[in-house]
Amino acid sequence: MAKKIQKILIRQKTLMEMLDLSSSGFYELKKRDPTFPRPIKDGSSQQAPAFYVYEEVRCWLIDRITARDEKR
């Protein structure tokens, strides 16, 4: 039987705190890194809360760490 992966959503504010980024630093990272996970908006307005899938963020971080280590 295949293991079911839970999709845990985290708020954008929580992700910014996890990455220790200011708002401007977070938006700059999203702009310059096309591999950064895409948000899920809870609504159609521009002010609707944005959530990120925790597993996608975790995989993105692992890929960045791997790329860093391969440059050594």
Protein backbone atom coordinates (compact mmCIF):
# COMPACT_ATOMS: atom_id res chain seq x y z
CA MET A 1 0.00 0.00 0.00
CA ALA A 2 1.39 3.38 -1.00
CA LYS A 3 2.17 5.86 1.74
CA LYS A 4 -0.09 8.90 1.56
CA ILE A 5 1.72 12.23 1.88
CA GLN A 6 -0.06 14.88 3.90
CA LYS A 7 -0.19 18.31 2.32
CA ILE A 8 0.56 20.72 5.13
CA LEU A 9 -0.01 24.38 4.31
CA ILE A 10 1.93 27.17 5.97
CA ARG A 11 1.14 30.86 5.82
CA GLN A 12 3.45 33.19 3.93
CA LYS A 13 4.25 35.05 7.16
CA THR A 14 5.32 31.77 8.80
CA LEU A 15 7.50 30.91 5.79
CA MET A 16 9.16 34.33 5.93
CA GLU A 17 9.92 33.75 9.61
CA MET A 18 11.29 30.25 8.87
CA LEU A 19 13.61 31.68 6.21
CA ASP A 20 14.44 34.70 8.40
CA LEU A 21 13.52 37.12 5.61
CA SER A 22 11.92 40.55 5.66
CA SER A 23 8.99 41.21 3.34
CA SER A 24 11.23 42.89 0.77
CA GLY A 25 13.80 40.07 0.99
CA PHE A 26 11.09 37.47 0.54
CA TYR A 27 9.63 39.16 -2.54
CA GLU A 28 13.12 39.60 -4.01
CA LEU A 29 13.81 35.88 -3.52
CA LYS A 30 10.53 34.95 -5.25
CA LYS A 31 11.35 37.31 -8.13
CA ARG A 32 14.90 36.08 -8.78
CA ASP A 33 14.43 32.33 -8.16
CA PRO A 34 12.07 30.67 -10.66
CA THR A 35 12.29 27.39 -8.74
CA PHE A 36 10.78 28.90 -5.58
CA PRO A 37 7.49 27.16 -4.69
CA ARG A 38 4.35 28.87 -5.90
CA PRO A 39 1.74 30.00 -3.38
CA ILE A 40 -1.84 28.87 -3.06
CA LYS A 41 -4.13 31.86 -2.67
CA ASP A 42 -7.18 31.58 -0.42
CA GLY A 43 -9.45 33.75 -2.52
CA SER A 44 -9.33 35.80 -5.68
CA SER A 45 -8.44 39.21 -4.24
CA GLN A 46 -4.88 40.48 -4.17
CA GLN A 47 -5.06 40.68 -0.37
CA ALA A 48 -6.17 37.04 0.00
CA PRO A 49 -3.87 35.04 2.29
CA ALA A 50 -1.11 33.06 0.57
CA PHE A 51 -0.17 29.58 1.71
CA TYR A 52 2.72 27.33 0.71
CA VAL A 53 2.89 23.54 0.68
CA TYR A 54 5.42 22.65 3.37
CA GLU A 55 6.78 19.64 1.44
CA GLU A 56 7.45 21.80 -1.65
CA VAL A 57 9.35 24.32 0.47
CA ARG A 58 11.33 21.52 2.14
CA CYS A 59 12.29 20.03 -1.25
CA TRP A 60 13.27 23.48 -2.55
CA LEU A 61 15.57 23.97 0.45
CA ILE A 62 17.13 20.52 -0.01
CA ASP A 63 17.79 21.31 -3.69
CA ARG A 64 19.47 24.61 -2.73
CA ILE A 65 21.64 22.89 -0.11
CA THR A 66 22.60 20.16 -2.60
CA ALA A 67 23.52 22.76 -5.25
CA ARG A 68 25.64 24.61 -2.70
CA ASP A 69 27.44 21.44 -1.63
CA GLU A 70 28.15 20.42 -5.25
CA LYS A 71 29.99 23.72 -5.83
CA ARG A 72 32.60 22.84 -3.19
